[in-house]
Amino acid sequence: MSRIRHCVECPKCQTRYLISFSPYSNGAYLRPAVDASSDEYILYCSCGPDVGVSRWRASEVMACKVSNAAFRRGFGTSVEVRPVPKAREPWSFDASQFLNDRKSPDRRKGTS
C-alpha cells in the first residue's frame, strides 16, 4: 500500500524527503525558513562530505506516492517516492452562452 505525501528532493543526491518527518535517520533535516510558517522550507541533506542545502517554496513542494518502506523512514529514492501527476485545470463552460443562443430570435420556430 502506498500513500500520497508532500515531499522535497535534494538537488545534489536526488533523495526525496517527506515533509513533517524531520529530522531523518540519515542525518538530514528540513526546517521552515521562517518559524511556524509553511510557505518556505530549507532542506539540509547529509549527502556526501558537504551538507547539501536547498530552499523550497510551498508552490515547489511535490505531491508524491510513497512506498511503505520510504514512509517508515521519512525519505526514499525516486523509485520509492514518485511524483503524482498534477491535476489538470477543472473543465468548465458557461451554460448561459448556450442558453442565450437557444433563445435568440434567429432560432425561433417559424422564422427564416
PDB file of N, CA and C in Angstrom:
ATOM      1  N   MET A   1       0.848  -1.188   0.000  1.00  0.00           N
ATOM      2  CA  MET A   1       0.000   0.000   0.000  1.00  0.00           C
ATOM      3  C   MET A   1       0.884   1.239   0.000  1.00  0.00           C
ATOM      4  N   SER A   2       0.517   2.233  -0.750  1.00  0.00           N
ATOM      5  CA  SER A   2       1.288   3.470  -0.791  1.00  0.00           C
ATOM      6  C   SER A   2       0.409   4.629  -0.337  1.00  0.00           C
ATOM      7  N   ARG A   3       1.056   5.717  -0.017  1.00  0.00           N
ATOM      8  CA  ARG A   3       0.376   6.912   0.477  1.00  0.00           C
ATOM      9  C   ARG A   3       0.776   8.106  -0.375  1.00  0.00           C
ATOM     10  N   ILE A   4      -0.051   9.142  -0.351  1.00  0.00           N
ATOM     11  CA  ILE A   4       0.288  10.393  -1.019  1.00  0.00           C
ATOM     12  C   ILE A   4       0.741  11.371   0.063  1.00  0.00           C
ATOM     13  N   ARG A   5       1.948  11.892  -0.077  1.00  0.00           N
ATOM     14  CA  ARG A   5       2.507  12.836   0.887  1.00  0.00           C
ATOM     15  C   ARG A   5       3.261  13.926   0.132  1.00  0.00           C
ATOM     16  N   HIS A   6       3.445  15.065   0.789  1.00  0.00           N
ATOM     17  CA  HIS A   6       4.238  16.145   0.203  1.00  0.00           C
ATOM     18  C   HIS A   6       5.709  15.889   0.492  1.00  0.00           C
ATOM     19  N   CYS A   7       6.545  16.175  -0.505  1.00  0.00           N
ATOM     20  CA  CYS A   7       7.968  15.926  -0.333  1.00  0.00           C
ATOM     21  C   CYS A   7       8.796  16.949  -1.108  1.00  0.00           C
ATOM     22  N   VAL A   8      10.082  16.980  -0.765  1.00  0.00           N
ATOM     23  CA  VAL A   8      11.069  17.798  -1.469  1.00  0.00           C
ATOM     24  C   VAL A   8      12.235  16.879  -1.838  1.00  0.00           C
ATOM     25  N   GLU A   9      13.004  17.284  -2.818  1.00  0.00           N
ATOM     26  CA  GLU A   9      14.113  16.455  -3.304  1.00  0.00           C
ATOM     27  C   GLU A   9      15.426  17.205  -3.176  1.00  0.00           C
ATOM     28  N   CYS A  10      16.430  16.520  -2.663  1.00  0.00           N
ATOM     29  CA  CYS A  10      17.767  17.103  -2.610  1.00  0.00           C
ATOM     30  C   CYS A  10      18.281  17.223  -4.045  1.00  0.00           C
ATOM     31  N   PRO A  11      18.657  18.423  -4.486  1.00  0.00           N
ATOM     32  CA  PRO A  11      19.139  18.570  -5.862  1.00  0.00           C
ATOM     33  C   PRO A  11      20.493  17.906  -6.095  1.00  0.00           C
ATOM     34  N   LYS A  12      21.207  17.603  -5.026  1.00  0.00           N
ATOM     35  CA  LYS A  12      22.538  17.011  -5.141  1.00  0.00           C
ATOM     36  C   LYS A  12      22.478  15.482  -5.278  1.00  0.00           C
ATOM     37  N   CYS A  13      21.714  14.808  -4.394  1.00  0.00           N
ATOM     38  CA  CYS A  13      21.704  13.339  -4.405  1.00  0.00           C
ATOM     39  C   CYS A  13      20.358  12.751  -4.853  1.00  0.00           C
ATOM     40  N   GLN A  14      19.359  13.594  -5.093  1.00  0.00           N
ATOM     41  CA  GLN A  14      18.026  13.200  -5.551  1.00  0.00           C
ATOM     42  C   GLN A  14      17.237  12.355  -4.539  1.00  0.00           C
ATOM     43  N   THR A  15      17.649  12.348  -3.273  1.00  0.00           N
ATOM     44  CA  THR A  15      16.847  11.697  -2.242  1.00  0.00           C
ATOM     45  C   THR A  15      15.620  12.558  -1.998  1.00  0.00           C
ATOM     46  N   ARG A  16      14.470  11.923  -1.884  1.00  0.00           N
ATOM     47  CA  ARG A  16      13.220  12.649  -1.664  1.00  0.00           C
ATOM     48  C   ARG A  16      12.804  12.508  -0.200  1.00  0.00           C
ATOM     49  N   TYR A  17      12.532  13.660   0.417  1.00  0.00           N
ATOM     50  CA  TYR A  17      12.210  13.714   1.838  1.00  0.00           C
ATOM     51  C   TYR A  17      10.752  14.109   2.040  1.00  0.00           C
ATOM     52  N   LEU A  18      10.074  13.381   2.909  1.00  0.00           N
ATOM     53  CA  LEU A  18       8.689  13.689   3.237  1.00  0.00           C
ATOM     54  C   LEU A  18       8.665  14.815   4.262  1.00  0.00           C
ATOM     55  N   ILE A  19       7.811  15.787   4.012  1.00  0.00           N
ATOM     56  CA  ILE A  19       7.672  16.907   4.938  1.00  0.00           C
ATOM     57  C   ILE A  19       7.007  16.381   6.212  1.00  0.00           C
ATOM     58  N   SER A  20       7.372  16.926   7.337  1.00  0.00           N
ATOM     59  CA  SER A  20       6.845  16.584   8.668  1.00  0.00           C
ATOM     60  C   SER A  20       7.486  15.349   9.272  1.00  0.00           C
ATOM     61  N   PHE A  21       8.527  14.803   8.653  1.00  0.00           N
ATOM     62  CA  PHE A  21       9.206  13.642   9.215  1.00  0.00           C
ATOM     63  C   PHE A  21      10.597  14.004   9.753  1.00  0.00           C
ATOM     64  N   SER A  22      10.951  15.262   9.696  1.00  0.00           N
ATOM     65  CA  SER A  22      12.282  15.725  10.087  1.00  0.00           C
ATOM     66  C   SER A  22      12.433  15.691  11.609  1.00  0.00           C
ATOM     67  N   PRO A  23      13.616  15.387  12.146  1.00  0.00           N
ATOM     68  CA  PRO A  23      14.854  15.026  11.457  1.00  0.00           C
ATOM     69  C   PRO A  23      14.807  13.585  10.962  1.00  0.00           C
ATOM     70  N   TYR A  24      15.617  13.303   9.977  1.00  0.00           N
ATOM     71  CA  TYR A  24      15.617  11.989   9.331  1.00  0.00           C
ATOM     72  C   TYR A  24      16.758  11.130   9.881  1.00  0.00           C
ATOM     73  N   SER A  25      16.598   9.819   9.792  1.00  0.00           N
ATOM     74  CA  SER A  25      17.579   8.890  10.359  1.00  0.00           C
ATOM     75  C   SER A  25      18.939   8.935   9.655  1.00  0.00           C
ATOM     76  N   ASN A  26      19.001   9.526   8.456  1.00  0.00           N
ATOM     77  CA  ASN A  26      20.284   9.626   7.743  1.00  0.00           C
ATOM     78  C   ASN A  26      21.027  10.921   8.085  1.00  0.00           C
ATOM     79  N   GLY A  27      20.503  11.699   9.030  1.00  0.00           N
ATOM     80  CA  GLY A  27      21.167  12.930   9.453  1.00  0.00           C
ATOM     81  C   GLY A  27      20.635  14.186   8.787  1.00  0.00           C
ATOM     82  N   ALA A  28      19.791  14.038   7.797  1.00  0.00           N
ATOM     83  CA  ALA A  28      19.219  15.211   7.111  1.00  0.00           C
ATOM     84  C   ALA A  28      18.090  15.796   7.967  1.00  0.00           C
ATOM     85  N   TYR A  29      17.765  17.051   7.697  1.00  0.00           N
ATOM     86  CA  TYR A  29      16.603  17.654   8.342  1.00  0.00           C
ATOM     87  C   TYR A  29      16.030  18.762   7.486  1.00  0.00           C
ATOM     88  N   LEU A  30      14.763  19.021   7.694  1.00  0.00           N
ATOM     89  CA  LEU A  30      14.008  20.020   6.933  1.00  0.00           C
ATOM     90  C   LEU A  30      13.401  20.978   7.939  1.00  0.00           C
ATOM     91  N   ARG A  31      13.603  22.257   7.709  1.00  0.00           N
ATOM     92  CA  ARG A  31      13.092  23.279   8.627  1.00  0.00           C
ATOM     93  C   ARG A  31      12.325  24.345   7.852  1.00  0.00           C
ATOM     94  N   PRO A  32      11.312  24.924   8.476  1.00  0.00           N
ATOM     95  CA  PRO A  32      10.673  26.089   7.846  1.00  0.00           C
ATOM     96  C   PRO A  32      11.688  27.228   7.768  1.00  0.00           C
ATOM     97  N   ALA A  33      11.684  27.974   6.694  1.00  0.00           N
ATOM     98  CA  ALA A  33      12.604  29.101   6.549  1.00  0.00           C
ATOM     99  C   ALA A  33      12.281  30.175   7.586  1.00  0.00           C
ATOM    100  N   VAL A  34      11.005  30.297   7.914  1.00  0.00           N
ATOM    101  CA  VAL A  34      10.538  31.218   8.954  1.00  0.00           C
ATOM    102  C   VAL A  34       9.780  30.374   9.964  1.00  0.00           C
ATOM    103  N   ASP A  35      10.087  30.527  11.247  1.00  0.00           N
ATOM    104  CA  ASP A  35       9.426  29.723  12.282  1.00  0.00           C
ATOM    105  C   ASP A  35       7.911  29.786  12.161  1.00  0.00           C
ATOM    106  N   ALA A  36       7.276  28.636  12.341  1.00  0.00           N
ATOM    107  CA  ALA A  36       5.812  28.482  12.340  1.00  0.00           C
ATOM    108  C   ALA A  36       5.177  28.870  11.002  1.00  0.00           C
ATOM    109  N   SER A  37       5.920  28.717   9.915  1.00  0.00           N
ATOM    110  CA  SER A  37       5.390  29.026   8.590  1.00  0.00           C
ATOM    111  C   SER A  37       5.618  27.832   7.665  1.00  0.00           C
ATOM    112  N   SER A  38       4.670  27.591   6.772  1.00  0.00           N
ATOM    113  CA  SER A  38       4.850  26.511   5.799  1.00  0.00           C
ATOM    114  C   SER A  38       4.979  27.063   4.382  1.00  0.00           C
ATOM    115  N   ASP A  39       5.339  28.335   4.271  1.00  0.00           N
ATOM    116  CA  ASP A  39       5.489  28.960   2.956  1.00  0.00           C
ATOM    117  C   ASP A  39       6.821  28.622   2.287  1.00  0.00           C
ATOM    118  N   GLU A  40       7.833  28.337   3.094  1.00  0.00           N
ATOM    119  CA  GLU A  40       9.155  28.074   2.540  1.00  0.00           C
ATOM    120  C   GLU A  40       9.927  27.160   3.489  1.00  0.00           C
ATOM    121  N   TYR A  41      10.691  26.227   2.903  1.00  0.00           N
ATOM    122  CA  TYR A  41      11.452  25.259   3.686  1.00  0.00           C
ATOM    123  C   TYR A  41      12.918  25.298   3.282  1.00  0.00           C
ATOM    124  N   ILE A  42      13.780  24.898   4.209  1.00  0.00           N
ATOM    125  CA  ILE A  42      15.194  24.716   3.915  1.00  0.00           C
ATOM    126  C   ILE A  42      15.535  23.265   4.229  1.00  0.00           C
ATOM    127  N   LEU A  43      16.075  22.555   3.241  1.00  0.00           N
ATOM    128  CA  LEU A  43      16.479  21.167   3.402  1.00  0.00           C
ATOM    129  C   LEU A  43      17.986  21.109   3.602  1.00  0.00           C
ATOM    130  N   TYR A  44      18.410  20.484   4.686  1.00  0.00           N
ATOM    131  CA  TYR A  44      19.821  20.230   4.950  1.00  0.00           C
ATOM    132  C   TYR A  44      20.014  18.725   4.754  1.00  0.00           C
ATOM    133  N   CYS A  45      20.547  18.341   3.601  1.00  0.00           N
ATOM    134  CA  CYS A  45      20.733  16.929   3.280  1.00  0.00           C
ATOM    135  C   CYS A  45      22.134  16.510   3.689  1.00  0.00           C
ATOM    136  N   SER A  46      22.255  15.299   4.153  1.00  0.00           N
ATOM    137  CA  SER A  46      23.545  14.800   4.650  1.00  0.00           C
ATOM    138  C   SER A  46      24.338  14.062   3.588  1.00  0.00           C
ATOM    139  N   CYS A  47      24.058  14.307   2.328  1.00  0.00           N
ATOM    140  CA  CYS A  47      24.741  13.582   1.250  1.00  0.00           C
ATOM    141  C   CYS A  47      26.201  14.032   1.112  1.00  0.00           C
ATOM    142  N   GLY A  48      27.074  13.077   0.974  1.00  0.00           N
ATOM    143  CA  GLY A  48      28.490  13.366   0.728  1.00  0.00           C
ATOM    144  C   GLY A  48      29.178  14.057   1.889  1.00  0.00           C
ATOM    145  N   PRO A  49      30.416  14.486   1.665  1.00  0.00           N
ATOM    146  CA  PRO A  49      31.183  15.131   2.732  1.00  0.00           C
ATOM    147  C   PRO A  49      30.650  16.525   3.079  1.00  0.00           C
ATOM    148  N   ASP A  50      30.042  17.192   2.124  1.00  0.00           N
ATOM    149  CA  ASP A  50      29.450  18.510   2.370  1.00  0.00           C
ATOM    150  C   ASP A  50      27.947  18.358   2.529  1.00  0.00           C
ATOM    151  N   VAL A  51      27.388  19.158   3.377  1.00  0.00           N
ATOM    152  CA  VAL A  51      25.933  19.139   3.559  1.00  0.00           C
ATOM    153  C   VAL A  51      25.296  19.882   2.390  1.00  0.00           C
ATOM    154  N   GLY A  52      24.316  19.241   1.752  1.00  0.00           N
ATOM    155  CA  GLY A  52      23.589  19.894   0.666  1.00  0.00           C
ATOM    156  C   GLY A  52      22.459  20.728   1.244  1.00  0.00           C
ATOM    157  N   VAL A  53      22.418  21.998   0.920  1.00  0.00           N
ATOM    158  CA  VAL A  53      21.377  22.893   1.422  1.00  0.00           C
ATOM    159  C   VAL A  53      20.556  23.380   0.237  1.00  0.00           C
ATOM    160  N   SER A  54      19.246  23.260   0.359  1.00  0.00           N
ATOM    161  CA  SER A  54      18.373  23.754  -0.706  1.00  0.00           C
ATOM    162  C   SER A  54      17.147  24.401  -0.082  1.00  0.00           C
ATOM    163  N   ARG A  55      16.599  25.361  -0.793  1.00  0.00           N
ATOM    164  CA  ARG A  55      15.443  26.126  -0.318  1.00  0.00           C
ATOM    165  C   ARG A  55      14.243  25.782  -1.197  1.00  0.00           C
ATOM    166  N   TRP A  56      13.089  25.594  -0.573  1.00  0.00           N
ATOM    167  CA  TRP A  56      11.878  25.188  -1.282  1.00  0.00           C
ATOM    168  C   TRP A  56      10.709  26.087  -0.905  1.00  0.00           C
ATOM    169  N   ARG A  57      10.048  26.627  -1.904  1.00  0.00           N
ATOM    170  CA  ARG A  57       8.796  27.356  -1.670  1.00  0.00           C
ATOM    171  C   ARG A  57       7.655  26.350  -1.607  1.00  0.00           C
ATOM    172  N   ALA A  58       6.574  26.716  -0.943  1.00  0.00           N
ATOM    173  CA  ALA A  58       5.428  25.812  -0.826  1.00  0.00           C
ATOM    174  C   ALA A  58       4.910  25.408  -2.209  1.00  0.00           C
ATOM    175  N   SER A  59       4.981  26.301  -3.190  1.00  0.00           N
ATOM    176  CA  SER A  59       4.496  26.000  -4.538  1.00  0.00           C
ATOM    177  C   SER A  59       5.387  24.989  -5.268  1.00  0.00           C
ATOM    178  N   GLU A  60       6.609  24.772  -4.777  1.00  0.00           N
ATOM    179  CA  GLU A  60       7.542  23.840  -5.407  1.00  0.00           C
ATOM    180  C   GLU A  60       7.512  22.441  -4.778  1.00  0.00           C
ATOM    181  N   VAL A  61       6.818  22.307  -3.663  1.00  0.00           N
ATOM    182  CA  VAL A  61       6.725  21.017  -2.982  1.00  0.00           C
ATOM    183  C   VAL A  61       5.943  20.054  -3.869  1.00  0.00           C
ATOM    184  N   MET A  62       6.394  18.791  -3.937  1.00  0.00           N
ATOM    185  CA  MET A  62       5.763  17.799  -4.804  1.00  0.00           C
ATOM    186  C   MET A  62       4.802  16.924  -4.000  1.00  0.00           C
ATOM    187  N   ALA A  63       3.678  16.588  -4.604  1.00  0.00           N
ATOM    188  CA  ALA A  63       2.823  15.539  -4.059  1.00  0.00           C
ATOM    189  C   ALA A  63       3.377  14.231  -4.602  1.00  0.00           C
ATOM    190  N   CYS A  64       3.645  13.284  -3.715  1.00  0.00           N
ATOM    191  CA  CYS A  64       4.291  12.040  -4.131  1.00  0.00           C
ATOM    192  C   CYS A  64       3.567  10.823  -3.591  1.00  0.00           C
ATOM    193  N   LYS A  65       3.621   9.757  -4.362  1.00  0.00           N
ATOM    194  CA  LYS A  65       3.137   8.451  -3.942  1.00  0.00           C
ATOM    195  C   LYS A  65       4.321   7.772  -3.251  1.00  0.00           C
ATOM    196  N   VAL A  66       4.140   7.381  -1.996  1.00  0.00           N
ATOM    197  CA  VAL A  66       5.246   6.925  -1.163  1.00  0.00           C
ATOM    198  C   VAL A  66       5.062   5.457  -0.783  1.00  0.00           C
ATOM    199  N   SER A  67       6.097   4.662  -0.982  1.00  0.00           N
ATOM    200  CA  SER A  67       6.051   3.241  -0.596  1.00  0.00           C
ATOM    201  C   SER A  67       6.040   3.137   0.927  1.00  0.00           C
ATOM    202  N   ASN A  68       5.641   1.982   1.440  1.00  0.00           N
ATOM    203  CA  ASN A  68       5.606   1.768   2.890  1.00  0.00           C
ATOM    204  C   ASN A  68       6.981   1.924   3.525  1.00  0.00           C
ATOM    205  N   ALA A  69       8.015   1.356   2.882  1.00  0.00           N
ATOM    206  CA  ALA A  69       9.371   1.435   3.440  1.00  0.00           C
ATOM    207  C   ALA A  69       9.845   2.887   3.524  1.00  0.00           C
ATOM    208  N   ALA A  70       9.630   3.656   2.480  1.00  0.00           N
ATOM    209  CA  ALA A  70      10.033   5.065   2.480  1.00  0.00           C
ATOM    210  C   ALA A  70       9.214   5.854   3.490  1.00  0.00           C
ATOM    211  N   PHE A  71       7.946   5.510   3.644  1.00  0.00           N
ATOM    212  CA  PHE A  71       7.100   6.198   4.622  1.00  0.00           C
ATOM    213  C   PHE A  71       7.639   5.970   6.039  1.00  0.00           C
ATOM    214  N   ARG A  72       8.044   4.749   6.341  1.00  0.00           N
ATOM    215  CA  ARG A  72       8.588   4.455   7.677  1.00  0.00           C
ATOM    216  C   ARG A  72       9.877   5.234   7.943  1.00  0.00           C
ATOM    217  N   ARG A  73      10.723   5.391   6.914  1.00  0.00           N
ATOM    218  CA  ARG A  73      11.985   6.133   7.060  1.00  0.00           C
ATOM    219  C   ARG A  73      11.765   7.639   7.022  1.00  0.00           C
ATOM    220  N   GLY A  74      10.779   8.073   6.218  1.00  0.00           N
ATOM    221  CA  GLY A  74      10.562   9.508   6.014  1.00  0.00           C
ATOM    222  C   GLY A  74      11.280  10.039   4.793  1.00  0.00           C
ATOM    223  N   PHE A  75      11.941   9.182   4.053  1.00  0.00           N
ATOM    224  CA  PHE A  75      12.645   9.571   2.829  1.00  0.00           C
ATOM    225  C   PHE A  75      12.850   8.331   1.969  1.00  0.00           C
ATOM    226  N   GLY A  76      13.221   8.553   0.710  1.00  0.00           N
ATOM    227  CA  GLY A  76      13.460   7.428  -0.177  1.00  0.00           C
ATOM    228  C   GLY A  76      14.013   7.848  -1.515  1.00  0.00           C
ATOM    229  N   THR A  77      14.218   6.852  -2.350  1.00  0.00           N
ATOM    230  CA  THR A  77      14.739   7.064  -3.699  1.00  0.00           C
ATOM    231  C   THR A  77      13.598   7.502  -4.624  1.00  0.00           C
ATOM    232  N   SER A  78      13.956   7.818  -5.843  1.00  0.00           N
ATOM    233  CA  SER A  78      12.946   8.223  -6.826  1.00  0.00           C
ATOM    234  C   SER A  78      12.027   7.059  -7.194  1.00  0.00           C
ATOM    235  N   VAL A  79      12.449   5.828  -6.941  1.00  0.00           N
ATOM    236  CA  VAL A  79      11.606   4.654  -7.186  1.00  0.00           C
ATOM    237  C   VAL A  79      10.584   4.500  -6.056  1.00  0.00           C
ATOM    238  N   GLU A  80      11.011   4.789  -4.823  1.00  0.00           N
ATOM    239  CA  GLU A  80      10.138   4.637  -3.659  1.00  0.00           C
ATOM    240  C   GLU A  80       9.195   5.821  -3.455  1.00  0.00           C
ATOM    241  N   VAL A  81       9.616   6.989  -3.903  1.00  0.00           N
ATOM    242  CA  VAL A  81       8.849   8.231  -3.720  1.00  0.00           C
ATOM    243  C   VAL A  81       8.676   8.853  -5.096  1.00  0.00           C
ATOM    244  N   ARG A  82       7.493   8.659  -5.681  1.00  0.00           N
ATOM    245  CA  ARG A  82       7.256   9.065  -7.074  1.00  0.00           C
ATOM    246  C   ARG A  82       6.255  10.213  -7.138  1.00  0.00           C
ATOM    247  N   PRO A  83       6.582  11.264  -7.886  1.00  0.00           N
ATOM    248  CA  PRO A  83       5.638  12.380  -8.008  1.00  0.00           C
ATOM    249  C   PRO A  83       4.310  11.939  -8.622  1.00  0.00           C
ATOM    250  N   VAL A  84       3.252  12.493  -8.105  1.00  0.00           N
ATOM    251  CA  VAL A  84       1.911  12.250  -8.641  1.00  0.00           C
ATOM    252  C   VAL A  84       1.684  13.313  -9.709  1.00  0.00           C
ATOM    253  N   PRO A  85       1.183  12.929 -10.878  1.00  0.00           N
ATOM    254  CA  PRO A  85       0.929  13.942 -11.909  1.00  0.00           C
ATOM    255  C   PRO A  85      -0.015  15.018 -11.383  1.00  0.00           C
ATOM    256  N   LYS A  86       0.281  16.255 -11.739  1.00  0.00           N
ATOM    257  CA  LYS A  86      -0.570  17.365 -11.308  1.00  0.00           C
ATOM    258  C   LYS A  86      -1.927  17.264 -11.975  1.00  0.00           C
ATOM    259  N   ALA A  87      -2.939  17.610 -11.223  1.00  0.00           N
ATOM    260  CA  ALA A  87      -4.299  17.590 -11.765  1.00  0.00           C
ATOM    261  C   ALA A  87      -4.433  18.694 -12.802  1.00  0.00           C
ATOM    262  N   ARG A  88      -5.169  18.385 -13.839  1.00  0.00           N
ATOM    263  CA  ARG A  88      -5.412  19.402 -14.861  1.00  0.00           C
ATOM    264  C   ARG A  88      -6.385  20.435 -14.329  1.00  0.00           C
ATOM    265  N   GLU A  89      -6.407  21.564 -14.990  1.00  0.00           N
ATOM    266  CA  GLU A  89      -7.373  22.595 -14.631  1.00  0.00           C
ATOM    267  C   GLU A  89      -8.771  22.018 -14.773  1.00  0.00           C
ATOM    268  N   PRO A  90      -9.662  22.353 -13.859  1.00  0.00           N
ATOM    269  CA  PRO A  90     -11.019  21.815 -13.980  1.00  0.00           C
ATOM    270  C   PRO A  90     -11.677  22.256 -15.280  1.00  0.00           C
ATOM    271  N   TRP A  91     -12.388  21.343 -15.885  1.00  0.00           N
ATOM    272  CA  TRP A  91     -13.081  21.636 -17.125  1.00  0.00           C
ATOM    273  C   TRP A  91     -14.338  22.405 -16.795  1.00  0.00           C
ATOM    274  N   SER A  92     -14.565  23.491 -17.469  1.00  0.00           N
ATOM    275  CA  SER A  92     -15.772  24.265 -17.203  1.00  0.00           C
ATOM    276  C   SER A  92     -16.241  24.924 -18.491  1.00  0.00           C
ATOM    277  N   PHE A  93     -17.495  25.288 -18.491  1.00  0.00           N
ATOM    278  CA  PHE A  93     -18.046  26.034 -19.610  1.00  0.00           C
ATOM    279  C   PHE A  93     -19.144  26.928 -19.073  1.00  0.00           C
ATOM    280  N   ASP A  94     -19.503  27.909 -19.839  1.00  0.00           N
ATOM    281  CA  ASP A  94     -20.525  28.861 -19.442  1.00  0.00           C
ATOM    282  C   ASP A  94     -21.841  28.434 -20.080  1.00  0.00           C
ATOM    283  N   ALA A  95     -22.730  27.846 -19.282  1.00  0.00           N
ATOM    284  CA  ALA A  95     -24.007  27.350 -19.786  1.00  0.00           C
ATOM    285  C   ALA A  95     -24.880  28.481 -20.304  1.00  0.00           C
ATOM    286  N   SER A  96     -24.746  29.666 -19.731  1.00  0.00           N
ATOM    287  CA  SER A  96     -25.592  30.785 -20.166  1.00  0.00           C
ATOM    288  C   SER A  96     -25.339  31.124 -21.635  1.00  0.00           C
ATOM    289  N   GLN A  97     -24.129  30.886 -22.120  1.00  0.00           N
ATOM    290  CA  GLN A  97     -23.822  31.140 -23.532  1.00  0.00           C
ATOM    291  C   GLN A  97     -24.710  30.267 -24.415  1.00  0.00           C
ATOM    292  N   PHE A  98     -24.875  29.019 -24.048  1.00  0.00           N
ATOM    293  CA  PHE A  98     -25.695  28.101 -24.841  1.00  0.00           C
ATOM    294  C   PHE A  98     -27.180  28.416 -24.695  1.00  0.00           C
ATOM    295  N   LEU A  99     -27.578  28.822 -23.508  1.00  0.00           N
ATOM    296  CA  LEU A  99     -28.982  29.180 -23.290  1.00  0.00           C
ATOM    297  C   LEU A  99     -29.343  30.434 -24.062  1.00  0.00           C
ATOM    298  N   ASN A 100     -28.443  31.407 -24.087  1.00  0.00           N
ATOM    299  CA  ASN A 100     -28.691  32.641 -24.829  1.00  0.00           C
ATOM    300  C   ASN A 100     -28.795  32.370 -26.323  1.00  0.00           C
ATOM    301  N   ASP A 101     -27.945  31.479 -26.833  1.00  0.00           N
ATOM    302  CA  ASP A 101     -28.009  31.124 -28.254  1.00  0.00           C
ATOM    303  C   ASP A 101     -29.352  30.490 -28.591  1.00  0.00           C
ATOM    304  N   ARG A 102     -29.867  29.700 -27.703  1.00  0.00           N
ATOM    305  CA  ARG A 102     -31.119  28.994 -27.952  1.00  0.00           C
ATOM    306  C   ARG A 102     -32.308  29.945 -27.983  1.00  0.00           C
ATOM    307  N   LYS A 103     -32.218  31.014 -27.216  1.00  0.00           N
ATOM    308  CA  LYS A 103     -33.323  31.970 -27.130  1.00  0.00           C
ATOM    309  C   LYS A 103     -33.237  33.079 -28.176  1.00  0.00           C
ATOM    310  N   SER A 104     -32.209  33.078 -28.965  1.00  0.00           N
ATOM    311  CA  SER A 104     -32.046  34.167 -29.921  1.00  0.00           C
ATOM    312  C   SER A 104     -33.168  34.127 -30.967  1.00  0.00           C
ATOM    313  N   PRO A 105     -33.578  35.297 -31.496  1.00  0.00           N
ATOM    314  CA  PRO A 105     -34.695  35.373 -32.446  1.00  0.00           C
ATOM    315  C   PRO A 105     -34.466  34.547 -33.711  1.00  0.00           C
ATOM    316  N   ASP A 106     -33.231  34.388 -34.125  1.00  0.00           N
ATOM    317  CA  ASP A 106     -32.941  33.645 -35.353  1.00  0.00           C
ATOM    318  C   ASP A 106     -33.246  32.159 -35.195  1.00  0.00           C
ATOM    319  N   ARG A 107     -33.321  31.680 -33.984  1.00  0.00           N
ATOM    320  CA  ARG A 107     -33.504  30.254 -33.754  1.00  0.00           C
ATOM    321  C   ARG A 107     -34.963  29.898 -33.445  1.00  0.00           C
ATOM    322  N   ARG A 108     -35.852  30.861 -33.368  1.00  0.00           N
ATOM    323  CA  ARG A 108     -37.256  30.557 -33.085  1.00  0.00           C
ATOM    324  C   ARG A 108     -37.891  29.848 -34.267  1.00  0.00           C
ATOM    325  N   LYS A 109     -38.843  28.993 -33.935  1.00  0.00           N
ATOM    326  CA  LYS A 109     -39.558  28.262 -34.993  1.00  0.00           C
ATOM    327  C   LYS A 109     -40.338  29.234 -35.857  1.00  0.00           C
ATOM    328  N   GLY A 110     -40.412  28.935 -37.101  1.00  0.00           N
ATOM    329  CA  GLY A 110     -41.232  29.720 -37.998  1.00  0.00           C
ATOM    330  C   GLY A 110     -40.544  30.954 -38.566  1.00  0.00           C
ATOM    331  N   THR A 111     -39.310  31.221 -38.181  1.00  0.00           N
ATOM    332  CA  THR A 111     -38.611  32.385 -38.763  1.00  0.00           C
ATOM    333  C   THR A 111     -37.561  31.899 -39.729  1.00  0.00           C
ATOM    334  N   SER A 112     -37.422  32.605 -40.817  1.00  0.00           N
ATOM    335  CA  SER A 112     -36.436  32.210 -41.796  1.00  0.00           C
ATOM    336  C   SER A 112     -35.614  33.402 -42.188  1.00  0.00           C
TER     337      SER A 112
END
